[in-house]
Amino acid sequence: MATTAFDVDAARARFSALARPLAFFDGPGGTQCPDEVIDAIAAYLRESNANVGAPYDTSRRTDELVALAHERAADFLGCSSAEVAFGPSMTALNFLLTRALARTLRPGDEIVVTALDHDANVAPWLEIAHDRDITVRVARLTDDLELDYADLESQLSERTRVVGFPVAANSVGTAPDIRRVVELAHEAGALAWADAVHYAPHGPIDVAAWDVDVLICSPYKFFGPHMGLAYGRAELLRSWRPYKVRAAPDEPVGHRFELGTLQHELLAGFVACVDYLDSISWDAIQAHERALGERFLAGLPDHLELYGLTGMDRRVPTFCFNVPGRSPEEVATFLAQHDLAVWHGNYYALETMRHLGLDGTVRVGIVHYNTEEEVDRLLATLAELT
């Protein structure tokens, strides 16, 4: 594919799942997989299925796959392969990592999260606060649903140990200034703990350039299989005592946080997923998504109530809105009847919904395999809801 222009039809041809009338605007809840991901999973189970560490062929091939998956994860995240850990989900990995950190916390320590966060980067800290004498603070939002950096800075102190934040909000699409958040965290002597689950399908991740200490994401949100992926700075991971069985390896250090046998077939799908993304220019993806987002915002019926930024700067193409007089579930059901897949509810963004004073909204998520025709069809159907 070209690196300067995005051929959406060529991309869609690689997804058998898209060969149907249903238009998928549900990417924030999970994206479709290209056929090469599905084929890689099936091929592993047919040809290489084994546990690791044995001298026979399928086990050796599995050893090679595990090593390759860590290398490709490192490429994707911008770190070393030793700093990568796979798990069953982002949530599971985050509970595991936060529990290891909790062993280093002292009474009076504080954690700061944001009102943009998914609860998977809030609840683990709240559970630690339940078990230990620490405080969890929540940085507020502006009227445009951007992070209030002044409020964040005001909540930091010598007691702050972690600043948790999303690289992009899964509810309203806001993309905070990563480096600004990281600088504020580090100036306070705290760790920068990033949730990149929602950002990952929309742009490149570079943990080294961002200078984050921990980053977690979910391959099934960026066209891969259902699993979790984490990065931790090597010296930080080595400073924690992990929860693991005694016989499990201590090196590479990221492996300390991989409990039990990994999902080898999903690792094969993950490698194919990263290869797929590498075959497409991020610049082209972002330009295509921005154009679709602008098209959606320009055509949004006036009677709909949009929450958050009204332009495409400082955001990804995820949109949160309600239709006056209709419940979010009613809207989502009506759209589903017209072959348009969207979500309704709170999306586990509990602090965002609390800020809005709402129980839930309708959410539209655009990714690179969406088309202008699909956006136009969505807008036309929304216009029918009065």
Protein backbone atom coordinates (compact mmCIF):
# COMPACT_ATOMS: atom_id res chain seq x y z
CA MET A 1 0.00 0.00 0.00
CA ALA A 2 1.13 3.56 -0.63
CA THR A 3 2.64 5.49 2.22
CA THR A 4 1.07 8.81 1.25
CA ALA A 5 -2.48 7.80 0.30
CA PHE A 6 -4.75 5.25 1.89
CA ASP A 7 -6.62 2.78 -0.31
CA VAL A 8 -9.54 1.88 1.92
CA ASP A 9 -10.96 -0.62 -0.58
CA ALA A 10 -7.66 -2.52 -0.67
CA ALA A 11 -7.57 -2.58 3.13
CA ARG A 12 -11.16 -3.77 3.40
CA ALA A 13 -10.46 -6.58 0.94
CA ARG A 14 -8.17 -8.07 3.58
CA PHE A 15 -11.11 -8.39 6.03
CA SER A 16 -13.66 -11.09 5.18
CA ALA A 17 -15.65 -9.83 8.18
CA LEU A 18 -16.38 -6.58 6.34
CA ALA A 19 -18.05 -8.33 3.37
CA ARG A 20 -21.57 -7.76 4.72
CA PRO A 21 -24.07 -4.89 4.89
CA LEU A 22 -23.29 -4.14 8.55
CA ALA A 23 -21.10 -1.05 8.99
CA PHE A 24 -18.87 -1.40 12.04
CA PHE A 25 -18.69 1.80 14.09
CA ASP A 26 -18.02 -0.26 17.22
CA GLY A 27 -14.21 -0.20 17.08
CA PRO A 28 -13.81 1.19 20.62
CA GLY A 29 -15.35 -2.05 21.87
CA GLY A 30 -13.19 -4.21 19.61
CA THR A 31 -12.13 -4.13 15.98
CA GLN A 32 -12.46 -6.70 13.21
CA CYS A 33 -9.45 -8.84 12.30
CA PRO A 34 -7.86 -9.04 8.86
CA ASP A 35 -7.84 -12.52 7.39
CA GLU A 36 -4.08 -12.92 7.93
CA VAL A 37 -4.65 -12.71 11.70
CA ILE A 38 -7.32 -15.41 11.58
CA ASP A 39 -5.18 -17.57 9.30
CA ALA A 40 -2.15 -17.24 11.58
CA ILE A 41 -4.14 -18.40 14.60
CA ALA A 42 -5.50 -21.41 12.73
CA ALA A 43 -2.11 -22.26 11.23
CA TYR A 44 -0.45 -22.34 14.65
CA LEU A 45 -3.08 -24.71 16.02
CA ARG A 46 -2.78 -26.96 12.96
CA GLU A 47 0.99 -26.99 12.61
CA SER A 48 2.82 -25.90 15.77
CA ASN A 49 0.61 -26.44 18.80
CA ALA A 50 2.74 -27.36 21.83
CA ASN A 51 4.04 -26.08 25.11
CA VAL A 52 7.43 -24.42 25.31
CA GLY A 53 10.79 -25.84 26.34
CA ALA A 54 10.80 -29.31 24.80
CA PRO A 55 13.28 -30.64 22.19
CA TYR A 56 10.76 -31.68 19.55
CA ASP A 57 9.70 -29.72 16.48
CA THR A 58 6.37 -28.18 17.49
CA SER A 59 7.73 -27.07 20.87
CA ARG A 60 10.76 -25.48 19.25
CA ARG A 61 8.51 -23.69 16.81
CA THR A 62 6.44 -22.44 19.73
CA ASP A 63 9.60 -21.18 21.46
CA GLU A 64 10.43 -19.27 18.29
CA LEU A 65 6.91 -17.84 18.10
CA VAL A 66 7.00 -16.63 21.72
CA ALA A 67 10.31 -14.89 21.09
CA LEU A 68 9.06 -13.38 17.83
CA ALA A 69 5.85 -12.11 19.46
CA HIS A 70 7.88 -10.29 22.11
CA GLU A 71 10.13 -8.81 19.44
CA ARG A 72 7.16 -7.61 17.38
CA ALA A 73 5.51 -6.20 20.52
CA ALA A 74 8.72 -4.29 21.23
CA ASP A 75 8.65 -2.92 17.69
CA PHE A 76 5.03 -1.88 18.12
CA LEU A 77 5.61 -0.16 21.46
CA GLY A 78 9.09 1.26 20.95
CA CYS A 79 10.90 -0.62 23.71
CA SER A 80 13.05 -3.72 24.22
CA SER A 81 11.53 -7.19 24.03
CA ALA A 82 12.52 -7.77 27.67
CA GLU A 83 10.15 -5.00 28.77
CA VAL A 84 7.03 -6.59 27.25
CA ALA A 85 4.42 -8.79 28.92
CA PHE A 86 1.40 -10.52 27.42
CA GLY A 87 -1.70 -11.51 29.37
CA PRO A 88 -5.35 -12.47 29.00
CA SER A 89 -6.50 -8.83 28.95
CA MET A 90 -5.36 -5.30 29.67
CA THR A 91 -7.48 -5.32 32.83
CA ALA A 92 -5.88 -8.51 34.11
CA LEU A 93 -2.38 -7.20 33.40
CA ASN A 94 -3.14 -3.89 35.08
CA PHE A 95 -4.43 -5.55 38.24
CA LEU A 96 -1.29 -7.71 38.28
CA LEU A 97 1.12 -4.81 37.75
CA THR A 98 -0.61 -2.50 40.20
CA ARG A 99 -0.57 -5.26 42.84
CA ALA A 100 3.18 -5.63 42.41
CA LEU A 101 3.63 -1.87 42.78
CA ALA A 102 1.35 -1.85 45.83
CA ARG A 103 3.98 -3.79 47.75
CA THR A 104 6.15 -0.65 47.61
CA LEU A 105 3.46 1.82 48.77
CA ARG A 106 3.31 3.31 52.23
CA PRO A 107 0.44 4.81 54.26
CA GLY A 108 -0.30 8.31 53.04
CA ASP A 109 0.85 7.68 49.46
CA GLU A 110 -1.40 8.98 46.71
CA ILE A 111 -2.41 7.96 43.19
CA VAL A 112 -3.83 10.47 40.72
CA VAL A 113 -6.02 9.36 37.80
CA THR A 114 -8.19 11.41 35.46
CA ALA A 115 -11.88 11.75 34.77
CA LEU A 116 -11.13 10.61 31.20
CA ASP A 117 -9.93 7.17 32.29
CA HIS A 118 -11.51 3.82 31.57
CA ASP A 119 -12.22 2.09 34.86
CA ALA A 120 -9.52 -0.51 34.13
CA ASN A 121 -7.02 2.23 34.99
CA VAL A 122 -9.03 3.45 37.97
CA ALA A 123 -10.51 0.43 39.75
CA PRO A 124 -7.13 -1.30 40.36
CA TRP A 125 -5.98 1.79 42.29
CA LEU A 126 -9.27 2.01 44.19
CA GLU A 127 -8.89 -1.62 45.25
CA ILE A 128 -5.38 -0.90 46.52
CA ALA A 129 -6.79 2.07 48.45
CA HIS A 130 -9.38 -0.31 49.90
CA ASP A 131 -6.63 -2.65 51.09
CA ARG A 132 -4.04 -0.08 52.16
CA ASP A 133 -4.00 3.42 53.62
CA ILE A 134 -3.53 5.36 50.38
CA THR A 135 -5.61 7.98 48.58
CA VAL A 136 -6.83 8.02 44.95
CA ARG A 137 -7.45 11.46 43.49
CA VAL A 138 -9.22 12.26 40.20
CA ALA A 139 -8.07 15.14 37.98
CA ARG A 140 -11.02 17.06 36.57
CA LEU A 141 -12.04 17.96 33.01
CA THR A 142 -12.73 21.20 31.20
CA ASP A 143 -16.10 22.06 29.69
CA ASP A 144 -14.83 20.64 26.37
CA LEU A 145 -13.99 17.35 28.09
CA GLU A 146 -10.25 17.88 27.87
CA LEU A 147 -8.00 17.17 30.81
CA ASP A 148 -7.73 20.16 33.15
CA TYR A 149 -3.95 20.35 33.43
CA ALA A 150 -4.05 23.03 36.10
CA ASP A 151 -6.26 20.82 38.25
CA LEU A 152 -3.99 17.84 37.60
CA GLU A 153 -0.94 19.83 38.66
CA SER A 154 -2.71 21.08 41.78
CA GLN A 155 -3.40 17.50 42.89
CA LEU A 156 0.23 16.42 42.67
CA SER A 157 2.48 16.49 45.74
CA GLU A 158 5.45 14.78 47.30
CA ARG A 159 3.02 12.01 48.29
CA THR A 160 2.03 11.21 44.66
CA ARG A 161 3.41 7.87 43.50
CA VAL A 162 1.55 7.32 40.21
CA VAL A 163 -0.27 9.43 37.64
CA GLY A 164 -2.60 7.23 35.59
CA PHE A 165 -4.02 8.61 32.36
CA PRO A 166 -5.39 7.57 28.95
CA VAL A 167 -3.51 8.27 25.74
CA ALA A 168 -7.00 8.68 24.26
CA ALA A 169 -10.36 8.50 26.00
CA ASN A 170 -12.50 5.55 24.98
CA SER A 171 -15.68 7.50 25.68
CA VAL A 172 -15.35 10.94 24.10
CA GLY A 173 -12.17 10.58 22.04
CA THR A 174 -10.09 13.25 23.79
CA ALA A 175 -6.34 12.71 23.38
CA PRO A 176 -4.44 14.41 26.23
CA ASP A 177 -1.02 15.97 25.80
CA ILE A 178 1.06 12.91 26.71
CA ARG A 179 4.35 14.66 27.24
CA ARG A 180 2.76 17.33 29.40
CA VAL A 181 1.17 14.72 31.65
CA VAL A 182 4.40 12.73 31.84
CA GLU A 183 6.44 15.83 32.68
CA LEU A 184 4.03 16.79 35.46
CA ALA A 185 4.17 13.26 36.86
CA HIS A 186 7.95 13.05 36.78
CA GLU A 187 8.40 16.53 38.24
CA ALA A 188 6.38 15.31 41.22
CA GLY A 189 8.53 12.18 41.45
CA ALA A 190 5.66 9.95 40.31
CA LEU A 191 5.36 7.22 37.72
CA ALA A 192 3.53 7.95 34.43
CA TRP A 193 1.10 5.03 33.92
CA ALA A 194 -0.52 5.18 30.47
CA ASP A 195 -3.58 3.37 29.14
CA ALA A 196 -3.19 3.18 25.35
CA VAL A 197 -6.04 0.74 24.72
CA HIS A 198 -8.16 3.24 22.85
CA TYR A 199 -5.33 5.07 21.12
CA ALA A 200 -3.55 2.04 19.65
CA PRO A 201 -5.63 1.65 16.43
CA HIS A 202 -5.31 5.35 15.66
CA GLY A 203 -1.61 6.12 15.76
CA PRO A 204 1.91 4.91 16.53
CA ILE A 205 3.02 4.25 20.10
CA ASP A 206 6.53 5.16 21.26
CA VAL A 207 7.03 4.57 24.96
CA ALA A 208 10.64 5.78 24.80
CA ALA A 209 9.77 9.09 23.15
CA TRP A 210 6.80 9.55 25.47
CA ASP A 211 8.95 8.62 28.51
CA VAL A 212 6.14 6.68 30.16
CA ASP A 213 7.00 4.18 32.88
CA VAL A 214 4.16 1.72 32.26
CA LEU A 215 1.83 1.38 29.27
CA ILE A 216 -0.96 -1.11 28.74
CA CYS A 217 -3.08 -1.88 25.68
CA SER A 218 -5.28 -4.54 24.07
CA PRO A 219 -4.49 -6.08 20.64
CA TYR A 220 -8.15 -6.80 19.98
CA LYS A 221 -8.71 -3.04 19.82
CA PHE A 222 -6.12 -2.76 17.02
CA PHE A 223 -7.20 -5.56 14.67
CA GLY A 224 -5.66 -8.44 16.63
CA PRO A 225 -6.88 -11.23 18.92
CA HIS A 226 -8.38 -10.93 22.40
CA MET A 227 -5.44 -10.51 24.76
CA GLY A 228 -3.57 -7.86 26.74
CA LEU A 229 -0.14 -6.29 26.23
CA ALA A 230 1.96 -4.28 28.68
CA TYR A 231 5.22 -2.37 28.74
CA GLY A 232 7.17 -1.64 31.88
CA ARG A 233 10.51 0.13 32.17
CA ALA A 234 13.05 -2.62 32.84
CA GLU A 235 14.57 -1.15 36.01
CA LEU A 236 11.08 -0.50 37.36
CA LEU A 237 9.92 -4.06 36.73
CA ARG A 238 13.06 -5.40 38.41
CA SER A 239 12.34 -3.30 41.48
CA TRP A 240 8.99 -5.04 42.10
CA ARG A 241 8.40 -8.45 43.60
CA PRO A 242 6.00 -10.13 41.16
CA TYR A 243 3.13 -12.46 41.95
CA LYS A 244 4.17 -15.66 40.20
CA VAL A 245 4.94 -19.33 40.70
CA ARG A 246 8.47 -20.08 41.90
CA ALA A 247 9.53 -22.07 38.85
CA ALA A 248 8.58 -19.34 36.38
CA PRO A 249 11.54 -17.49 34.82
CA ASP A 250 12.81 -14.18 36.17
CA GLU A 251 14.41 -13.19 32.88
CA PRO A 252 13.62 -11.55 30.57
CA VAL A 253 12.17 -9.31 33.24
CA GLY A 254 8.82 -8.83 31.50
CA HIS A 255 8.20 -12.58 31.69
CA ARG A 256 7.86 -12.27 35.47
CA PHE A 257 4.44 -10.79 34.83
CA GLU A 258 3.18 -13.45 32.41
CA LEU A 259 1.26 -15.93 34.52
CA GLY A 260 1.13 -19.51 33.32
CA THR A 261 1.24 -20.69 29.72
CA LEU A 262 0.65 -17.92 27.21
CA GLN A 263 -2.07 -18.13 24.56
CA HIS A 264 0.32 -19.25 21.83
CA GLU A 265 -2.21 -19.22 19.02
CA LEU A 266 -3.13 -15.65 19.92
CA LEU A 267 0.53 -14.68 19.86
CA ALA A 268 0.60 -15.92 16.27
CA GLY A 269 -2.39 -13.72 15.53
CA PHE A 270 -0.70 -10.80 17.27
CA VAL A 271 2.40 -11.11 15.07
CA ALA A 272 0.18 -11.11 11.97
CA CYS A 273 -1.70 -8.09 13.33
CA VAL A 274 1.49 -6.04 13.75
CA ASP A 275 2.64 -7.14 10.31
CA TYR A 276 -0.67 -5.94 8.91
CA LEU A 277 -0.30 -2.53 10.53
CA ASP A 278 3.29 -2.30 9.31
CA SER A 279 2.01 -2.75 5.76
CA ILE A 280 0.01 0.48 6.06
CA SER A 281 1.33 3.99 6.66
CA TRP A 282 0.26 5.50 9.98
CA ASP A 283 0.28 8.90 8.27
CA ALA A 284 -2.20 7.61 5.71
CA ILE A 285 -4.38 6.00 8.38
CA GLN A 286 -4.49 9.18 10.43
CA ALA A 287 -5.28 11.36 7.41
CA HIS A 288 -8.10 9.00 6.38
CA GLU A 289 -9.55 8.84 9.89
CA ARG A 290 -9.33 12.61 10.32
CA ALA A 291 -11.20 13.16 7.05
CA LEU A 292 -13.94 10.73 8.13
CA GLY A 293 -14.14 12.38 11.54
CA GLU A 294 -14.50 15.82 9.96
CA ARG A 295 -17.17 14.44 7.63
CA PHE A 296 -19.08 13.03 10.60
CA LEU A 297 -18.88 16.24 12.62
CA ALA A 298 -19.84 18.43 9.67
CA GLY A 299 -22.91 16.33 8.92
CA LEU A 300 -24.08 15.63 12.47
CA PRO A 301 -27.76 16.64 12.73
CA ASP A 302 -28.24 19.81 14.77
CA HIS A 303 -30.68 18.25 17.20
CA LEU A 304 -28.12 15.73 18.47
CA GLU A 305 -26.18 16.63 21.62
CA LEU A 306 -22.45 15.99 21.10
CA TYR A 307 -20.22 15.75 24.16
CA GLY A 308 -16.62 16.90 23.87
CA LEU A 309 -14.49 18.57 21.25
CA THR A 310 -16.26 19.70 18.09
CA GLY A 311 -13.19 19.49 15.83
CA MET A 312 -10.59 16.86 15.06
CA ASP A 313 -7.64 18.45 16.87
CA ARG A 314 -6.49 16.80 20.11
CA ARG A 315 -8.76 13.81 19.65
CA VAL A 316 -9.28 10.52 17.86
CA PRO A 317 -12.44 9.85 15.78
CA THR A 318 -14.59 8.55 18.62
CA PHE A 319 -17.79 10.48 19.26
CA CYS A 320 -20.15 10.51 22.21
CA PHE A 321 -23.66 11.94 21.86
CA ASN A 322 -27.32 11.59 22.72
CA VAL A 323 -30.56 12.11 20.81
CA PRO A 324 -33.01 14.20 22.88
CA GLY A 325 -36.11 12.29 23.79
CA ARG A 326 -34.57 8.87 23.08
CA SER A 327 -32.49 6.62 25.28
CA PRO A 328 -29.01 5.60 24.14
CA GLU A 329 -30.18 1.99 23.91
CA GLU A 330 -33.14 2.99 21.75
CA VAL A 331 -30.83 4.88 19.39
CA ALA A 332 -28.32 2.02 19.17
CA THR A 333 -31.12 -0.47 18.52
CA PHE A 334 -32.60 1.71 15.76
CA LEU A 335 -29.18 2.01 14.11
CA ALA A 336 -28.61 -1.75 14.38
CA GLN A 337 -31.88 -2.31 12.54
CA HIS A 338 -30.33 -0.28 9.72
CA ASP A 339 -27.08 -2.30 9.68
CA LEU A 340 -25.09 0.28 11.67
CA ALA A 341 -23.15 -1.05 14.65
CA VAL A 342 -22.63 1.44 17.50
CA TRP A 343 -22.42 1.14 21.27
CA HIS A 344 -24.53 2.56 24.05
CA GLY A 345 -23.87 2.77 27.78
CA ASN A 346 -21.07 4.14 29.94
CA TYR A 347 -18.19 2.18 28.32
CA TYR A 348 -16.65 1.79 31.81
CA ALA A 349 -15.78 5.51 31.64
CA LEU A 350 -17.48 6.05 34.99
CA GLU A 351 -15.72 9.28 35.93
CA THR A 352 -16.49 10.83 32.53
CA MET A 353 -20.16 9.98 32.84
CA ARG A 354 -20.18 11.32 36.38
CA HIS A 355 -18.73 14.58 35.06
CA LEU A 356 -21.48 14.75 32.42
CA GLY A 357 -24.18 13.80 34.88
CA LEU A 358 -25.28 10.96 32.60
CA ASP A 359 -25.88 7.24 32.92
CA GLY A 360 -24.82 6.63 29.34
CA THR A 361 -24.58 7.87 25.77
CA VAL A 362 -24.35 6.63 22.19
CA ARG A 363 -20.80 6.07 20.95
CA VAL A 364 -19.57 6.03 17.35
CA GLY A 365 -16.01 4.90 16.73
CA ILE A 366 -14.32 5.29 13.36
CA VAL A 367 -11.25 3.29 12.34
CA HIS A 368 -9.31 3.05 9.10
CA TYR A 369 -11.52 0.42 7.46
CA ASN A 370 -14.58 2.69 7.62
CA THR A 371 -15.62 4.52 4.46
CA GLU A 372 -17.20 7.81 3.43
CA GLU A 373 -20.29 5.91 2.27
CA GLU A 374 -20.67 4.32 5.71
CA VAL A 375 -20.34 7.68 7.45
CA ASP A 376 -22.92 9.22 5.12
CA ARG A 377 -25.30 6.31 5.73
CA LEU A 378 -24.88 6.71 9.49
CA LEU A 379 -25.58 10.45 9.30
CA ALA A 380 -28.64 9.95 7.12
CA THR A 381 -30.05 7.37 9.54
CA LEU A 382 -29.37 9.60 12.55
CA ALA A 383 -31.27 12.39 10.79
CA GLU A 384 -34.35 10.16 10.82
CA LEU A 385 -34.31 10.16 14.64
CA THR A 386 -36.24 13.19 15.81
